[in-house]
């Protein structure tokens, strides 16, 4: 059975192979562009007049709302200069902050609603609309927090590999087990165990459905020098498999439900599956994935650019068989996709764009923010030394 270390070694080998292929592809692409450019130049008289004024015509169809980027006063900025591990999020009408060993819930004004201790070595935060899951990856503890109080916490006998939380508060935790590569336990909103699943291969991603009645999980294994992932759908009221996809040659990083099916984010491709497990669309990429955000309606991806800077982006919708791709004009620090638009945080501004790349709204920022949370017409900005709030409308 492949170990976690062998998975990491295989991933490094695959990355080196992809870099070699990328160099070959880049050379072929450059040669092709030169040839095409020469042919276009020779035939310019036949098509040049068609493009007269096209930029002016396109720009008249897009109205970008300019937000001033003014920062809120009062309790803001919130000082985090002495914190080393921070993560910002949201839950109902409040925004959340995980800082070192404490999980905080703040209201809009920046007042602390409550805080809960979570002294984890490798904390991972997973949020839903009503609750937040914080677990110690590689450790044994996890907690579930609500908007007004901590709901419950547990210490497990097996090391936690990953976790997921559903919209109703159901929690799925995958642990290491002496008999199995992965062991899944599902807890209801009150923390009671309601379902178990043993897997002989490595579970690398889990997503709980919206009604808390089932989930999907991705089992990944190595064969013939490549990773293969299979997605299984389970129902909490049955021991039988509801659905299982054919193997896909990728290492699954993330699963998420979308309108009409689910997303599978892999090491070299993003797939959209129909609800019955049929592949509906595949978007492949050769560059390293730097960041991503998956929602019911939109998947947004960020890739590493030149010099390791993240800048190339791709946006896909759940109802289309195409992708919008672009190279950003500066480094992308964080990205978030909602049902209908994508928010992108650059070094000097935040944009909200439509799935076709049109900029809906923008706001300047005067410092670099690592993460942000969008909530009720406000954006909460996590910097290196403080948390700020700015109004953002469109």
Protein backbone atom coordinates (compact mmCIF):
# COMPACT_ATOMS: atom_id res chain seq x y z
CA UNK A 1 0.00 0.00 0.00
CA UNK A 2 1.52 3.35 -0.99
CA UNK A 3 2.55 5.51 1.94
CA UNK A 4 2.11 9.25 2.30
CA UNK A 5 5.87 9.69 1.64
CA UNK A 6 5.67 7.67 -1.58
CA UNK A 7 2.79 9.85 -2.69
CA UNK A 8 4.89 12.97 -2.10
CA UNK A 9 7.89 11.43 -3.94
CA UNK A 10 5.72 10.50 -6.90
CA UNK A 11 4.27 14.01 -6.95
CA UNK A 12 7.76 15.53 -7.17
CA UNK A 13 8.63 13.19 -10.06
CA UNK A 14 5.43 14.12 -11.85
CA UNK A 15 6.17 17.81 -11.39
CA UNK A 16 9.65 17.38 -12.95
CA UNK A 17 8.10 15.54 -15.92
CA UNK A 18 5.52 18.29 -16.34
CA UNK A 19 8.22 20.96 -16.30
CA UNK A 20 10.13 19.15 -19.11
CA UNK A 21 6.95 18.79 -21.14
CA UNK A 22 6.17 22.45 -20.51
CA UNK A 23 9.53 23.56 -21.93
CA UNK A 24 8.94 21.51 -25.09
CA UNK A 25 5.40 22.84 -25.41
CA UNK A 26 6.58 26.41 -24.88
CA UNK A 27 9.20 26.11 -27.62
CA UNK A 28 6.65 24.61 -30.02
CA UNK A 29 4.15 27.31 -29.09
CA UNK A 30 6.65 30.12 -29.71
CA UNK A 31 7.57 28.66 -33.10
CA UNK A 32 3.89 28.34 -33.99
CA UNK A 33 3.18 31.92 -32.94
CA UNK A 34 6.01 33.21 -35.12
CA UNK A 35 4.69 31.32 -38.16
CA UNK A 36 1.08 32.40 -37.54
CA UNK A 37 2.14 35.98 -36.95
CA UNK A 38 3.98 36.06 -40.25
CA UNK A 39 0.94 34.70 -42.09
CA UNK A 40 -1.35 37.19 -40.35
CA UNK A 41 0.94 40.04 -41.34
CA UNK A 42 0.87 38.99 -45.00
CA UNK A 43 -2.95 38.89 -44.98
CA UNK A 44 -3.50 42.04 -42.90
CA UNK A 45 -5.30 44.01 -45.61
CA UNK A 46 -8.13 41.47 -45.67
CA UNK A 47 -9.07 41.71 -42.00
CA UNK A 48 -7.57 44.85 -40.40
CA UNK A 49 -10.55 47.11 -41.09
CA UNK A 50 -12.87 44.75 -39.24
CA UNK A 51 -11.23 45.57 -35.90
CA UNK A 52 -11.46 49.35 -36.19
CA UNK A 53 -13.14 50.59 -33.01
CA UNK A 54 -13.76 47.13 -31.52
CA UNK A 55 -12.22 48.06 -28.16
CA UNK A 56 -14.41 51.12 -27.91
CA UNK A 57 -17.52 49.06 -28.72
CA UNK A 58 -16.63 46.42 -26.11
CA UNK A 59 -15.91 48.91 -23.35
CA UNK A 60 -19.31 50.55 -23.70
CA UNK A 61 -20.97 47.27 -22.63
CA UNK A 62 -19.12 47.07 -19.30
CA UNK A 63 -19.64 49.43 -16.37
CA UNK A 64 -17.16 48.97 -13.55
CA UNK A 65 -18.19 50.25 -10.13
CA UNK A 66 -15.32 52.12 -8.47
CA UNK A 67 -15.26 51.63 -4.70
CA UNK A 68 -13.07 54.08 -2.82
CA UNK A 69 -11.36 51.45 -0.67
CA UNK A 70 -11.77 53.54 2.49
CA UNK A 71 -11.02 51.53 5.62
CA UNK A 72 -13.38 51.39 8.59
CA UNK A 73 -12.52 53.05 11.87
CA UNK A 74 -13.67 52.16 15.36
CA UNK A 75 -12.22 48.81 16.41
CA UNK A 76 -10.36 48.55 13.12
CA UNK A 77 -7.58 47.89 12.44
CA UNK A 78 -7.42 44.77 14.59
CA UNK A 79 -3.83 44.08 15.60
CA UNK A 80 -2.44 40.63 14.76
CA UNK A 81 1.24 41.63 14.60
CA UNK A 82 2.19 39.14 17.32
CA UNK A 83 0.38 36.25 15.64
CA UNK A 84 2.24 33.85 13.34
CA UNK A 85 -0.50 31.56 11.99
CA UNK A 86 -3.69 33.33 10.93
CA UNK A 87 -6.68 32.50 8.76
CA UNK A 88 -9.78 34.62 8.06
CA UNK A 89 -13.27 33.35 7.22
CA UNK A 90 -16.98 33.97 7.71
CA UNK A 91 -19.99 32.38 9.36
CA UNK A 92 -23.53 33.71 9.02
CA UNK A 93 -23.41 37.45 9.85
CA UNK A 94 -20.00 37.28 11.51
CA UNK A 95 -16.43 36.97 10.32
CA UNK A 96 -13.92 34.61 11.89
CA UNK A 97 -10.22 34.63 12.64
CA UNK A 98 -8.02 31.72 13.59
CA UNK A 99 -4.84 33.05 15.20
CA UNK A 100 -2.17 30.66 16.51
CA UNK A 101 -4.08 28.72 19.19
CA UNK A 102 -7.39 30.57 19.31
CA UNK A 103 -10.49 30.71 17.13
CA UNK A 104 -12.28 34.09 17.25
CA UNK A 105 -15.72 35.13 16.04
CA UNK A 106 -16.14 38.88 15.37
CA UNK A 107 -19.18 40.94 14.49
CA UNK A 108 -19.26 43.59 11.76
CA UNK A 109 -18.00 46.30 14.14
CA UNK A 110 -14.94 44.29 15.11
CA UNK A 111 -16.18 43.27 18.55
CA UNK A 112 -15.37 39.73 19.69
CA UNK A 113 -18.52 37.62 19.97
CA UNK A 114 -16.59 34.77 21.60
CA UNK A 115 -13.33 32.85 21.36
CA UNK A 116 -12.37 29.20 21.74
CA UNK A 117 -9.00 27.58 22.40
CA UNK A 118 -7.59 25.25 19.74
CA UNK A 119 -3.96 24.49 20.55
CA UNK A 120 -3.21 22.52 17.40
CA UNK A 121 0.19 21.88 15.81
CA UNK A 122 -1.11 21.95 12.23
CA UNK A 123 -4.57 23.58 12.28
CA UNK A 124 -6.84 23.40 9.25
CA UNK A 125 -10.02 25.50 9.02
CA UNK A 126 -13.04 24.37 6.98
CA UNK A 127 -16.10 26.60 6.98
CA UNK A 128 -19.75 26.33 6.04
CA UNK A 129 -22.44 28.98 6.20
CA UNK A 130 -23.54 28.16 9.75
CA UNK A 131 -20.55 26.41 11.33
CA UNK A 132 -16.78 26.11 11.17
CA UNK A 133 -14.63 23.01 11.56
CA UNK A 134 -11.08 23.34 12.92
CA UNK A 135 -8.95 20.19 13.06
CA UNK A 136 -5.35 19.30 13.78
CA UNK A 137 -4.03 17.63 10.62
CA UNK A 138 -1.68 14.85 11.72
CA UNK A 139 -2.97 15.25 15.27
CA UNK A 140 -5.96 13.87 17.15
CA UNK A 141 -8.24 16.81 17.97
CA UNK A 142 -10.98 18.76 16.23
CA UNK A 143 -13.65 21.27 17.20
CA UNK A 144 -16.89 22.56 15.69
CA UNK A 145 -17.76 26.21 16.27
CA UNK A 146 -21.04 28.04 15.72
CA UNK A 147 -21.68 31.78 15.28
CA UNK A 148 -22.29 32.32 19.01
CA UNK A 149 -20.45 29.51 20.80
CA UNK A 150 -18.32 26.42 20.49
CA UNK A 151 -20.61 23.47 19.71
CA UNK A 152 -18.35 20.56 20.65
CA UNK A 153 -14.79 19.24 20.47
CA UNK A 154 -13.36 15.74 20.31
CA UNK A 155 -10.10 13.84 20.71
CA UNK A 156 -9.77 10.79 18.47
CA UNK A 157 -7.63 7.66 18.71
CA UNK A 158 -6.41 7.86 15.10
CA UNK A 159 -4.42 10.63 13.44
CA UNK A 160 -6.60 13.03 11.47
CA UNK A 161 -5.82 13.13 7.75
CA UNK A 162 -8.55 15.52 6.60
CA UNK A 163 -12.04 16.77 7.39
CA UNK A 164 -15.10 18.39 5.85
CA UNK A 165 -18.21 20.12 7.18
CA UNK A 166 -21.64 20.29 5.56
CA UNK A 167 -24.15 23.10 5.46
CA UNK A 168 -26.28 21.44 8.17
CA UNK A 169 -23.30 21.00 10.52
CA UNK A 170 -22.53 17.36 9.73
CA UNK A 171 -18.81 16.63 9.92
CA UNK A 172 -16.74 14.00 8.09
CA UNK A 173 -13.34 13.14 9.56
CA UNK A 174 -10.82 10.84 7.86
CA UNK A 175 -8.25 9.21 10.15
CA UNK A 176 -5.36 6.77 9.85
CA UNK A 177 -6.14 3.24 10.95
CA UNK A 178 -4.10 0.10 11.72
CA UNK A 179 -6.22 -2.01 9.37
CA UNK A 180 -7.05 0.49 6.63
CA UNK A 181 -5.27 3.25 4.74
CA UNK A 182 -8.17 5.61 5.56
CA UNK A 183 -11.10 5.42 7.96
CA UNK A 184 -14.06 7.80 7.65
CA UNK A 185 -16.33 8.78 10.53
CA UNK A 186 -19.34 11.06 10.14
CA UNK A 187 -20.79 13.08 13.02
CA UNK A 188 -24.19 14.75 13.05
CA UNK A 189 -24.73 18.36 14.10
CA UNK A 190 -24.70 17.36 17.77
CA UNK A 191 -21.45 15.40 17.53
CA UNK A 192 -22.92 11.88 17.55
CA UNK A 193 -21.35 9.26 15.27
CA UNK A 194 -23.79 8.30 12.52
CA UNK A 195 -21.70 6.66 9.79
CA UNK A 196 -18.42 4.80 9.19
CA UNK A 197 -16.54 3.85 6.04
CA UNK A 198 -13.27 1.91 5.75
CA UNK A 199 -11.16 2.42 2.63
CA UNK A 200 -8.20 0.34 1.50
CA UNK A 201 -6.75 3.25 -0.48
CA UNK A 202 -5.92 6.84 0.48
CA UNK A 203 -8.91 9.16 0.86
CA UNK A 204 -7.63 12.56 -0.30
CA UNK A 205 -10.85 14.61 -0.45
CA UNK A 206 -14.34 14.58 1.09
CA UNK A 207 -17.41 16.78 0.62
CA UNK A 208 -20.63 16.52 2.66
CA UNK A 209 -23.82 17.30 0.74
CA UNK A 210 -26.04 20.26 1.62
CA UNK A 211 -28.79 18.30 3.36
CA UNK A 212 -26.41 16.25 5.49
CA UNK A 213 -27.70 12.92 4.15
CA UNK A 214 -24.59 11.77 2.31
CA UNK A 215 -21.20 12.67 0.91
CA UNK A 216 -18.71 12.11 -1.87
CA UNK A 217 -15.11 11.03 -1.32
CA UNK A 218 -12.11 10.56 -3.57
CA UNK A 219 -9.89 7.51 -3.16
CA UNK A 220 -6.47 7.88 -4.78
CA UNK A 221 -3.90 5.20 -5.57
CA UNK A 222 -0.72 4.90 -7.62
CA UNK A 223 -0.50 2.57 -10.61
CA UNK A 224 1.92 2.46 -13.52
CA UNK A 225 3.72 5.57 -12.34
CA UNK A 226 0.56 7.70 -12.27
CA UNK A 227 -2.07 8.63 -9.73
CA UNK A 228 -5.63 7.48 -10.24
CA UNK A 229 -8.64 8.80 -8.37
CA UNK A 230 -12.12 7.34 -8.03
CA UNK A 231 -15.05 9.29 -6.58
CA UNK A 232 -17.59 7.37 -4.49
CA UNK A 233 -20.99 8.67 -3.41
CA UNK A 234 -22.35 7.39 -0.09
CA UNK A 235 -25.67 7.77 1.72
CA UNK A 236 -25.72 7.84 5.51
CA UNK A 237 -28.81 5.61 5.66
CA UNK A 238 -27.29 2.80 3.58
CA UNK A 239 -24.20 0.60 3.56
CA UNK A 240 -24.28 0.31 -0.23
CA UNK A 241 -22.36 2.52 -2.65
CA UNK A 242 -24.73 4.93 -4.36
CA UNK A 243 -22.39 5.82 -7.23
CA UNK A 244 -18.77 5.39 -8.22
CA UNK A 245 -16.92 7.05 -11.09
CA UNK A 246 -14.43 5.48 -13.43
CA UNK A 247 -10.79 6.12 -12.43
CA UNK A 248 -9.32 9.48 -13.45
CA UNK A 249 -5.54 9.84 -13.91
CA UNK A 250 -4.92 12.63 -11.39
CA UNK A 251 -4.29 13.14 -7.69
CA UNK A 252 -7.41 14.67 -6.16
CA UNK A 253 -6.84 17.77 -4.04
CA UNK A 254 -10.45 18.82 -3.49
CA UNK A 255 -14.07 17.82 -4.04
CA UNK A 256 -17.00 20.25 -3.97
CA UNK A 257 -20.64 20.07 -4.96
CA UNK A 258 -21.83 22.33 -7.77
CA UNK A 259 -25.09 22.94 -9.59
CA UNK A 260 -26.04 19.63 -11.23
CA UNK A 261 -23.05 17.65 -9.99
CA UNK A 262 -19.65 18.14 -8.40
CA UNK A 263 -16.13 19.47 -9.03
CA UNK A 264 -12.98 17.37 -8.78
CA UNK A 265 -9.84 19.46 -8.46
CA UNK A 266 -6.79 17.41 -9.35
CA UNK A 267 -3.04 17.87 -9.63
CA UNK A 268 -3.24 18.57 -13.38
CA UNK A 269 -6.92 19.02 -14.21
CA UNK A 270 -10.30 20.21 -13.00
CA UNK A 271 -13.28 18.01 -13.82
CA UNK A 272 -16.98 18.70 -13.55
CA UNK A 273 -19.07 15.58 -13.08
CA UNK A 274 -22.79 15.17 -13.49
CA UNK A 275 -24.68 13.95 -10.44
CA UNK A 276 -24.60 10.38 -11.77
CA UNK A 277 -20.79 10.38 -11.97
CA UNK A 278 -20.48 11.04 -15.69
CA UNK A 279 -17.62 13.41 -16.63
CA UNK A 280 -19.24 16.55 -18.08
CA UNK A 281 -16.21 18.78 -18.70
CA UNK A 282 -12.44 18.61 -18.18
CA UNK A 283 -10.02 21.53 -17.98
CA UNK A 284 -6.36 20.52 -17.98
CA UNK A 285 -3.35 22.62 -16.96
CA UNK A 286 0.43 22.24 -17.02
CA UNK A 287 1.30 24.92 -14.46
CA UNK A 288 1.50 24.50 -10.72
CA UNK A 289 -1.74 25.28 -8.89
CA UNK A 290 -1.21 28.17 -6.46
CA UNK A 291 -4.74 28.79 -5.16
CA UNK A 292 -8.37 27.96 -5.89
CA UNK A 293 -11.97 28.52 -4.84
CA UNK A 294 -14.92 26.26 -5.66
CA UNK A 295 -18.58 27.22 -5.29
CA UNK A 296 -21.94 25.94 -6.54
CA UNK A 297 -21.73 28.07 -9.64
CA UNK A 298 -18.07 28.87 -10.29
CA UNK A 299 -14.62 27.32 -10.02
CA UNK A 300 -11.70 29.78 -9.94
CA UNK A 301 -8.07 28.66 -10.23
CA UNK A 302 -4.77 30.52 -9.82
CA UNK A 303 -1.50 29.21 -11.23
CA UNK A 304 2.10 30.06 -10.50
CA UNK A 305 3.59 32.46 -12.98
CA UNK A 306 7.11 33.60 -13.77
CA UNK A 307 9.41 33.62 -10.77
CA UNK A 308 6.91 31.72 -8.65
CA UNK A 309 4.45 34.64 -8.60
CA UNK A 310 0.82 33.64 -8.89
CA UNK A 311 -0.85 35.43 -11.75
CA UNK A 312 -2.48 33.20 -14.36
CA UNK A 313 -6.15 32.53 -13.62
CA UNK A 314 -8.92 30.32 -14.99
CA UNK A 315 -12.66 30.68 -14.33
CA UNK A 316 -15.19 27.94 -15.10
CA UNK A 317 -18.93 27.81 -14.53
CA UNK A 318 -21.10 24.85 -13.64
CA UNK A 319 -23.31 25.32 -16.71
CA UNK A 320 -20.68 25.84 -19.42
CA UNK A 321 -18.19 23.68 -21.30
CA UNK A 322 -15.58 26.40 -21.65
CA UNK A 323 -13.18 28.33 -19.44
CA UNK A 324 -12.10 31.96 -19.20
CA UNK A 325 -8.32 32.20 -18.85
CA UNK A 326 -6.10 35.25 -18.42
CA UNK A 327 -2.73 36.42 -17.16
CA UNK A 328 -3.08 38.87 -14.29
CA UNK A 329 -1.13 42.12 -14.37
CA UNK A 330 0.19 41.52 -10.84
CA UNK A 331 0.46 38.78 -8.24
CA UNK A 332 -2.81 37.22 -7.04
CA UNK A 333 -2.75 36.97 -3.24
CA UNK A 334 -6.18 35.40 -2.69
CA UNK A 335 -9.23 34.39 -4.72
CA UNK A 336 -12.85 33.65 -3.81
CA UNK A 337 -15.71 32.45 -6.00
CA UNK A 338 -19.34 32.99 -5.06
CA UNK A 339 -22.39 31.81 -6.96
CA UNK A 340 -22.14 34.41 -9.75
CA UNK A 341 -18.80 36.25 -9.51
CA UNK A 342 -15.14 35.91 -8.55
CA UNK A 343 -13.23 38.18 -6.17
CA UNK A 344 -9.49 38.59 -6.72
CA UNK A 345 -7.08 40.29 -4.32
CA UNK A 346 -3.97 41.76 -5.96
CA UNK A 347 -1.15 43.72 -4.35
CA UNK A 348 -2.83 47.08 -4.95
CA UNK A 349 -6.55 46.37 -5.58
CA UNK A 350 -9.48 43.98 -5.25
CA UNK A 351 -11.60 43.15 -8.31
CA UNK A 352 -14.93 41.41 -8.65
CA UNK A 353 -15.19 39.84 -12.10
CA UNK A 354 -17.89 38.04 -14.03
CA UNK A 355 -17.21 34.50 -15.32
CA UNK A 356 -16.26 35.99 -18.70
CA UNK A 357 -13.58 38.18 -17.11
CA UNK A 358 -15.47 41.48 -17.19
CA UNK A 359 -14.58 43.62 -14.15
CA UNK A 360 -17.82 44.31 -12.26
CA UNK A 361 -16.35 46.29 -9.38
CA UNK A 362 -12.97 47.29 -8.01
CA UNK A 363 -11.41 48.92 -4.96
CA UNK A 364 -7.84 50.09 -4.30
CA UNK A 365 -5.83 48.76 -1.34
CA UNK A 366 -2.77 50.49 0.05
CA UNK A 367 -0.96 47.44 1.42
CA UNK A 368 -0.58 43.73 0.67
CA UNK A 369 -3.34 41.53 2.08
CA UNK A 370 -2.85 37.77 2.22
CA UNK A 371 -6.49 36.73 2.53
CA UNK A 372 -9.96 38.23 2.64
CA UNK A 373 -13.58 37.36 3.45
CA UNK A 374 -16.63 38.77 1.64
CA UNK A 375 -19.71 39.35 3.77
CA UNK A 376 -22.80 41.56 3.37
CA UNK A 377 -21.25 44.27 1.21
CA UNK A 378 -18.00 44.34 3.16
CA UNK A 379 -14.59 42.84 2.60
CA UNK A 380 -12.52 41.87 5.64
CA UNK A 381 -8.83 42.05 4.78
CA UNK A 382 -6.17 39.96 6.50
CA UNK A 383 -2.74 41.54 6.32
CA UNK A 384 0.56 40.68 7.95
CA UNK A 385 0.00 42.99 10.90
CA UNK A 386 -3.74 43.73 11.07
CA UNK A 387 -7.27 42.99 9.91
CA UNK A 388 -9.14 45.79 8.14
CA UNK A 389 -12.68 46.26 6.82
CA UNK A 390 -13.75 48.11 3.68
CA UNK A 391 -17.12 48.51 2.01
CA UNK A 392 -17.40 46.89 -1.41
CA UNK A 393 -20.53 47.13 -3.53
CA UNK A 394 -21.62 46.50 -7.09
